[in-house]
Protein backbone atom coordinates (compact mmCIF):
# COMPACT_ATOMS: atom_id res chain seq x y z
CA MET A 1 0.00 0.00 0.00
CA PRO A 2 1.52 3.37 -1.00
CA MET A 3 2.27 5.94 1.66
CA PRO A 4 0.12 9.10 1.71
CA LEU A 5 1.48 11.98 -0.30
CA SER A 6 3.84 14.03 1.82
CA PRO A 7 3.93 17.85 1.76
CA CYS A 8 7.52 17.31 0.66
CA THR A 9 7.24 15.67 -2.74
CA ILE A 10 10.96 14.99 -3.00
CA SER A 11 11.46 13.14 0.28
CA HIS A 12 8.73 10.65 -0.63
CA VAL A 13 9.08 10.80 -4.40
CA ARG A 14 9.12 7.03 -4.99
CA CYS A 15 5.90 6.37 -3.11
CA THR A 16 4.42 9.41 -4.87
CA PHE A 17 5.29 7.80 -8.21
CA HIS A 18 3.66 4.57 -7.08
CA TYR A 19 0.54 6.36 -5.87
CA LEU A 20 0.02 8.38 -9.04
CA CYS A 21 0.80 5.62 -11.52
CA THR A 22 -1.27 2.82 -10.00
CA ARG A 23 -4.42 4.53 -8.74
CA SER A 24 -7.47 4.86 -11.01
CA ARG A 25 -8.07 8.33 -9.57
CA PHE A 26 -5.35 10.40 -11.19
CA ALA A 27 -4.17 13.14 -8.81
CA PHE A 28 -3.47 16.00 -11.19
CA GLU A 29 -2.85 18.41 -8.30
CA SER A 30 0.12 16.28 -7.23
CA VAL A 31 1.58 16.36 -10.72
CA PHE A 32 1.71 20.13 -10.54
CA VAL A 33 3.42 19.90 -7.13
CA VAL A 34 6.06 17.70 -8.76
CA GLN A 35 6.44 20.18 -11.62
CA CYS A 36 6.79 23.09 -9.21
CA THR A 37 9.33 21.26 -7.05
CA LEU A 38 11.31 20.21 -10.11
CA GLU A 39 11.48 23.82 -11.29
CA LYS A 40 12.89 24.90 -7.92
CA LEU A 41 15.46 22.10 -7.92
CA GLU A 42 16.54 22.76 -11.49
CA GLY A 43 17.06 26.40 -10.60
CA LYS A 44 19.34 25.34 -7.73
CA GLU A 45 21.08 22.80 -9.94
CA ALA A 46 21.90 25.48 -12.49
CA THR A 47 23.46 27.79 -9.89
CA SER A 48 25.03 25.27 -7.50
CA ALA A 49 28.74 24.62 -7.72
CA ASP A 50 28.14 21.08 -6.51
CA SER A 51 24.88 19.61 -7.81
CA LYS A 52 25.40 16.53 -5.65
CA THR A 53 24.67 18.53 -2.49
CA LEU A 54 21.30 19.99 -3.49
CA THR A 55 18.57 20.17 -0.85
CA CYS A 56 14.80 20.01 -1.13
CA PRO A 57 13.35 23.56 -1.17
CA ASP A 58 10.60 22.46 1.24
CA CYS A 59 12.20 20.16 3.84
CA GLN A 60 15.93 20.76 3.24
CA GLU A 61 16.71 17.05 2.85
CA SER A 62 19.53 16.25 0.44
CA VAL A 63 18.53 15.49 -3.15
CA SER A 64 20.67 13.68 -5.71
CA HIS A 65 20.98 14.50 -9.38
CA GLU A 66 19.66 10.99 -10.08
CA LEU A 67 16.43 11.82 -8.26
CA ILE A 68 15.96 14.92 -10.41
CA VAL A 69 16.33 12.72 -13.51
CA GLU A 70 13.73 10.37 -12.02
CA LEU A 71 11.35 13.29 -11.51
CA ARG A 72 11.77 14.33 -15.13
CA SER A 73 11.06 10.77 -16.28
CA PHE A 74 7.95 10.68 -14.12
CA LEU A 75 6.59 13.89 -15.63
CA GLN A 76 7.25 12.57 -19.11
CA PHE A 77 5.27 9.42 -18.20
CA VAL A 78 2.18 11.14 -16.79
CA CYS A 79 2.23 14.28 -18.98
CA PRO A 80 3.54 13.12 -22.34
CA ALA A 81 4.26 15.92 -24.77
CA GLU A 82 2.04 15.08 -27.72
CA THR A 83 3.56 17.82 -29.80
CA VAL A 84 7.16 17.82 -30.96
CA ILE A 85 8.55 21.25 -30.17
CA ASP A 86 10.93 22.72 -32.70
CA ASP A 87 13.55 24.38 -30.49
CA SER A 88 15.30 25.96 -33.44
CA LYS A 89 12.14 27.97 -34.17
CA HIS A 90 11.82 28.88 -30.52
CA ASP A 91 15.36 30.24 -30.41
CA GLU A 92 14.73 32.42 -33.46
CA VAL A 93 11.71 34.23 -32.00
CA ASP A 94 12.24 37.97 -31.96
CA ALA A 95 11.11 39.46 -28.65
CA THR A 96 10.16 42.65 -30.51
CA ALA A 97 7.42 40.68 -32.29
CA ALA A 98 5.15 41.21 -29.28
CA GLY A 99 2.02 43.26 -29.81
CA GLY A 100 -1.68 42.87 -30.51
CA VAL A 101 -3.85 40.28 -28.83
CA PHE A 102 -4.98 36.70 -29.25
CA TYR A 103 -8.24 35.19 -28.06
CA VAL A 104 -9.19 32.30 -25.82
CA ASN A 105 -12.74 31.01 -26.27
CA MET A 106 -14.92 28.56 -24.41
CA LEU A 107 -17.86 26.95 -26.20
CA ASP A 108 -20.22 28.19 -23.47
CA GLY A 109 -19.70 31.70 -24.87
CA LYS A 110 -17.07 32.95 -22.45
CA PHE A 111 -13.91 34.42 -23.95
CA CYS A 112 -11.07 36.76 -23.17
CA GLU A 113 -8.34 38.71 -24.93
CA ILE A 114 -4.71 38.11 -24.02
CA LYS A 115 -1.95 40.57 -24.88
CA TYR A 116 0.33 38.79 -27.33
CA ASP A 117 3.91 38.09 -26.36
CA PRO A 118 5.65 35.24 -28.22
CA ASN A 119 7.76 34.54 -25.14
CA MET A 120 4.79 34.16 -22.78
CA GLN A 121 5.06 30.84 -21.00
CA THR A 122 2.10 28.47 -21.22
CA LEU A 123 2.07 28.29 -17.41
CA HIS A 124 1.69 32.07 -17.21
CA LEU A 125 -1.08 32.00 -19.81
CA LYS A 126 -2.97 29.49 -17.67
CA LYS A 127 -2.64 31.73 -14.63
CA LEU A 128 -4.11 34.63 -16.62
CA LEU A 129 -6.99 32.45 -17.80
CA GLU A 130 -7.68 31.33 -14.24
CA GLN A 131 -8.04 34.99 -13.25
CA GLN A 132 -10.14 36.01 -16.25
CA LEU A 133 -12.29 32.93 -16.95
CA GLY A 134 -12.36 31.28 -13.54
CA VAL A 135 -11.02 27.88 -14.64
CA GLN A 136 -8.30 26.49 -12.36
CA ALA A 137 -4.93 26.29 -14.11
CA ASP A 138 -4.56 22.57 -13.38
CA LYS A 139 -8.03 21.90 -14.85
CA GLN A 140 -7.39 23.72 -18.13
CA ARG A 141 -7.09 21.96 -21.47
CA LEU A 142 -6.00 24.46 -24.13
CA VAL A 143 -6.17 23.62 -27.83
CA PHE A 144 -4.83 25.51 -30.85
CA LYS A 145 -5.48 24.14 -34.34
CA SER A 146 -6.30 20.70 -32.87
CA CYS A 147 -3.01 20.70 -30.95
CA PRO A 148 -3.14 20.48 -27.12
CA LEU A 149 -0.84 22.94 -25.36
CA GLN A 150 1.56 21.33 -22.88
CA SER A 151 3.21 23.37 -20.14
CA PHE A 152 6.53 21.52 -20.40
CA ALA A 153 8.67 20.03 -23.16
CA ASP A 154 11.87 17.99 -23.29
CA SER A 155 10.81 15.54 -20.56
CA GLY A 156 9.88 18.37 -18.23
CA ARG A 157 13.19 20.23 -18.59
CA ARG A 158 11.80 23.29 -20.38
CA LYS A 159 8.70 25.40 -19.98
CA THR A 160 6.89 25.97 -23.27
CA CYS A 161 5.96 29.37 -24.71
CA VAL A 162 3.07 30.33 -26.98
CA SER A 163 5.50 30.71 -29.88
CA ASP A 164 6.33 26.99 -29.61
CA TYR A 165 2.87 26.28 -30.98
CA GLY A 166 2.95 28.92 -33.73
CA ILE A 167 0.42 31.14 -31.95
CA LYS A 168 0.36 34.69 -33.27
CA ALA A 169 -1.58 37.88 -32.66
CA GLY A 170 -5.17 37.51 -33.84
CA ASP A 171 -5.25 33.72 -33.37
CA GLN A 172 -7.99 31.90 -31.45
CA LEU A 173 -7.48 29.17 -28.88
CA TYR A 174 -10.14 27.01 -27.25
CA LEU A 175 -10.29 26.23 -23.55
CA MET A 176 -11.98 23.20 -22.00
CA GLN A 177 -12.25 22.34 -18.31
CA LEU A 178 -11.05 18.98 -17.02
CA ILE A 179 -13.69 16.84 -15.32
CA TYR A 180 -11.67 13.66 -14.90
CA ALA A 181 -8.42 12.12 -16.14
CA ILE A 182 -7.99 8.40 -16.80
CA PRO A 183 -4.30 7.48 -17.04
CA GLU A 184 -2.89 4.71 -19.18
CA GLY A 185 -3.22 1.38 -17.41
CA SER A 186 -6.11 2.50 -15.19
CA ASP A 187 -8.63 -0.14 -14.14
CA LEU A 188 -11.40 2.32 -14.95
CA GLN A 189 -12.63 0.92 -18.27
CA HIS A 190 -16.43 1.20 -18.10
CA ILE A 191 -18.03 4.66 -17.91
CA VAL A 192 -21.76 5.28 -17.71
CA MET A 193 -23.51 8.59 -18.43
CA LYS A 194 -26.89 8.79 -16.69
CA LEU A 195 -29.56 11.32 -17.71
CA GLN A 196 -32.93 12.10 -16.16
CA TRP A 197 -35.61 14.74 -16.67
CA ASN A 198 -39.24 15.54 -15.86
CA TRP A 199 -41.71 16.72 -18.46
CA VAL A 200 -44.33 19.30 -17.51
CA GLU A 201 -47.54 18.58 -19.45
CA LYS A 202 -47.28 16.23 -22.43
CA GLN A 203 -44.81 13.36 -22.35
CA ASP A 204 -41.66 14.51 -24.10
CA TYR A 205 -38.08 13.44 -24.47
CA LEU A 206 -34.72 14.94 -23.57
CA ASP A 207 -32.18 13.00 -25.60
CA GLY A 208 -28.67 12.23 -24.46
CA SER A 209 -26.47 11.15 -27.36
CA ALA A 210 -22.82 10.29 -27.92
CA LEU A 211 -21.33 11.58 -31.17
CA VAL A 212 -18.19 9.66 -32.09
CA PHE A 213 -15.22 11.05 -34.03
CA SER A 214 -11.99 9.84 -35.54
CA GLU A 215 -9.78 12.93 -35.31
CA LYS A 216 -11.95 15.60 -37.03
CA ASN A 217 -14.19 13.13 -38.82
CA TYR A 218 -17.65 12.26 -37.52
CA ILE A 219 -18.17 8.49 -37.79
CA GLY A 220 -21.39 7.70 -35.93
CA VAL A 221 -23.82 8.33 -33.09
CA ILE A 222 -25.24 6.39 -30.16
CA ASP A 223 -28.78 7.46 -29.23
CA TYR A 224 -32.27 6.13 -28.47
CA GLN A 225 -32.56 4.47 -31.88
CA ASN A 226 -28.90 3.67 -32.61
CA ARG A 227 -28.19 1.72 -29.45
CA ASP A 228 -25.01 -0.14 -30.37
CA SER A 229 -21.82 1.24 -31.91
CA ALA A 230 -20.70 -2.06 -33.47
CA LYS A 231 -21.43 -0.93 -37.02
CA PHE A 232 -18.85 1.89 -36.81
CA THR A 233 -16.48 0.58 -34.08
CA ASP A 234 -15.04 -2.40 -35.92
CA GLY A 235 -17.87 -4.76 -35.04
CA VAL A 236 -17.37 -4.30 -31.29
CA SER A 237 -19.98 -2.87 -28.91
CA ALA A 238 -17.74 -0.11 -27.53
CA LEU A 239 -20.72 2.17 -26.78
CA THR A 240 -24.32 1.27 -26.01
CA HIS A 241 -27.55 3.15 -25.21
CA SER A 242 -30.31 1.91 -22.92
CA GLY A 243 -33.17 3.53 -24.84
CA ASP A 244 -35.71 5.75 -23.09
CA VAL A 245 -37.09 4.55 -19.79
CA MET A 246 -40.32 6.51 -19.16
CA THR A 247 -42.29 6.51 -15.88
CA SER A 248 -45.64 8.18 -16.62
CA GLN A 249 -46.82 8.38 -13.00
CA LEU A 250 -43.77 10.49 -12.08
CA GLN A 251 -43.53 12.28 -15.43
CA LEU A 252 -39.94 11.05 -15.37
CA GLY A 253 -37.67 10.08 -18.24
CA GLN A 254 -34.31 8.36 -17.90
CA HIS A 255 -31.63 6.68 -19.96
CA GLU A 256 -27.95 5.89 -19.89
CA ILE A 257 -25.02 5.56 -22.26
CA ASN A 258 -22.30 3.00 -21.57
CA VAL A 259 -18.74 3.49 -22.79
CA PHE A 260 -16.28 0.55 -22.75
CA LEU A 261 -12.80 2.04 -23.04
CA ASP A 262 -11.09 -1.36 -23.24
CA LYS A 263 -13.17 -2.18 -26.34
CA MET A 264 -12.67 1.16 -28.08
CA PRO A 265 -10.84 0.77 -31.42
CA ASP A 266 -7.79 2.96 -32.00
CA THR A 267 -9.64 4.77 -34.77
CA VAL A 268 -11.96 6.40 -32.20
CA THR A 269 -10.31 9.50 -30.73
CA ASP A 270 -13.24 11.52 -29.36
CA VAL A 271 -16.72 10.98 -27.95
CA PHE A 272 -18.92 14.06 -27.44
CA PHE A 273 -21.88 13.78 -25.08
CA THR A 274 -24.82 15.96 -26.11
CA LEU A 275 -28.25 16.82 -24.72
CA ALA A 276 -31.19 17.99 -26.86
CA ALA A 277 -34.94 18.57 -26.69
CA TRP A 278 -37.01 16.29 -28.95
CA ASN A 279 -40.38 18.00 -29.55
CA ALA A 280 -40.11 21.00 -27.22
CA PRO A 281 -38.43 24.08 -28.75
CA THR A 282 -35.94 24.42 -25.89
CA MET A 283 -34.57 22.49 -22.93
CA GLY A 284 -36.31 25.00 -20.66
CA SER A 285 -39.54 23.10 -21.31
CA PHE A 286 -38.30 20.36 -18.94
CA LYS A 287 -37.68 20.28 -15.21
CA ASN A 288 -34.93 18.73 -13.13
CA GLN A 289 -32.59 17.89 -15.99
CA ALA A 290 -29.52 16.24 -14.49
CA VAL A 291 -26.55 14.34 -15.92
CA GLU A 292 -23.84 12.41 -14.14
CA LEU A 293 -20.82 10.39 -15.19
CA ALA A 294 -19.79 7.41 -13.08
CA GLU A 295 -17.64 4.32 -13.11
CA LYS A 296 -20.00 1.40 -13.71
CA SER A 297 -18.51 -0.73 -10.94
CA LYS A 298 -18.74 2.19 -8.48
CA PRO A 299 -22.08 3.87 -9.31
CA ASN A 300 -22.05 5.97 -6.16
CA GLU A 301 -18.70 7.55 -7.00
CA ARG A 302 -19.28 10.18 -9.66
CA LEU A 303 -16.56 11.28 -12.07
CA GLY A 304 -16.88 14.97 -11.36
CA ASP A 305 -19.94 16.78 -10.06
CA LYS A 306 -23.51 16.00 -11.00
CA VAL A 307 -24.52 18.62 -13.57
CA ILE A 308 -27.90 20.33 -13.51
CA PHE A 309 -28.52 22.47 -16.57
CA ASP A 310 -30.52 25.43 -15.32
CA THR A 311 -28.58 27.96 -17.39
CA VAL A 312 -29.43 26.65 -20.89
CA ALA A 313 -33.21 27.02 -20.77
CA SER A 314 -33.34 28.97 -24.05
CA SER A 315 -31.24 26.49 -26.02
CA GLN A 316 -32.47 23.53 -28.05
CA ALA A 317 -29.28 21.53 -27.48
CA LEU A 318 -26.05 21.44 -25.54
CA VAL A 319 -22.64 19.87 -26.18
CA MET A 320 -22.00 18.81 -22.59
CA SER A 321 -18.62 17.12 -22.48
CA ARG A 322 -15.89 15.43 -24.44
CA LEU A 323 -14.05 12.16 -23.83
CA TYR A 324 -10.81 12.09 -25.80
CA ARG A 325 -7.54 10.22 -26.02
CA LEU A 326 -4.50 11.80 -24.37
CA GLY A 327 -1.33 9.80 -24.71
CA GLY A 328 -2.24 6.27 -23.65
CA GLY A 329 -5.12 7.43 -21.44
CA TRP A 330 -8.29 9.49 -21.69
CA ASP A 331 -9.45 12.90 -20.49
CA ILE A 332 -13.04 13.96 -19.85
CA VAL A 333 -13.55 17.70 -20.22
CA SER A 334 -16.56 19.96 -19.80
CA ILE A 335 -17.60 21.98 -22.84
CA GLY A 336 -21.03 23.53 -22.22
CA GLY A 337 -21.49 24.65 -25.82
CA ILE A 338 -25.07 25.70 -26.60
CA SER A 339 -26.35 24.65 -30.01
CA SER A 340 -29.34 23.94 -32.18
CA GLY A 341 -30.10 20.47 -33.53
CA ASN A 342 -31.36 17.25 -31.97
CA ALA A 343 -31.71 13.53 -32.69
CA LYS A 344 -33.78 14.36 -35.80
CA ASN A 345 -30.90 16.40 -37.26
CA TYR A 346 -27.39 16.22 -35.79
CA SER A 347 -25.80 18.55 -38.37
CA PRO A 348 -25.98 21.72 -36.19
CA LEU A 349 -24.46 19.83 -33.25
CA ILE A 350 -21.65 18.49 -35.45
CA GLN A 351 -21.02 22.06 -36.59
CA THR A 352 -20.77 23.24 -32.98
CA ILE A 353 -18.40 20.38 -32.13
CA SER A 354 -16.17 21.27 -35.10
CA LYS A 355 -15.10 24.42 -33.22
CA CYS A 356 -13.12 22.17 -30.88
CA TYR A 357 -10.86 21.27 -33.82
CA THR A 358 -10.21 24.76 -35.18
């Protein structure tokens, strides 16, 4: 059994590695502690005459160069850089090129302007976005032209800058908020999305659907009438839908979508969960709409908070969240993008989703 995480990440680094790499609940906060501690140590290593006598910045215990290498390897394992950074381009950036602004958008309509500086570190950008958009830095997933922005490159040895990703003044980035991270090798392989609603007068339906993509290409949908993904997931039932379960006495509708990560073919990169009114013009025609994600074997342990959509009453549809591959694992992020469209016509929803790839 791994020891609890210590306030001093370095003095218990090996049990920290064991804890983070073997638990199904992936402690992102601890990863950022490791990153922060590594930065402090590397700063000391660069200025110390004898790197063999370094001490932990928190507890003052001695730290070897080998342990710093181990930390870097750990960060590379849990936060793989999916983008190859061209350092030669980075070195050629002219600091005088700063000026103008670029934009960071969320699909729920929030956005902000950021003063452009090619040398701005991604970590600093995330701090600015936390202040302006209210999304915690360690919960941010930034995307530019389908490329996720990583805070570190070179196995954690270098902080990235916006210029590493070719971002220029006038460009637009998209920000999503992390709900849950599933690392490679996790025993969490079966996710269930549960939806319920109450109709007011006539029986009506609030449809939860899963739109499946291979990179930018839409390949199929799971909904009340298409209940098995086998026809577009290589003959395997990687996603299933329960169909509508209606209880007239309570004016209650329910259904669930099951996602089997261990059965998902490599061609599937993204699954977008959507919500849409069937006959009613907007989702405001229903009461008590609520969605939750859970691990099937632990139904009482939700993956993130239960979401009640009181703020989208005037919208016909909503792109709720996105499950997507990250390295060898998966991330679930909140989107909250209002849209038109429903199970009769998914084209408007697909158009809204396409913004995530721009």
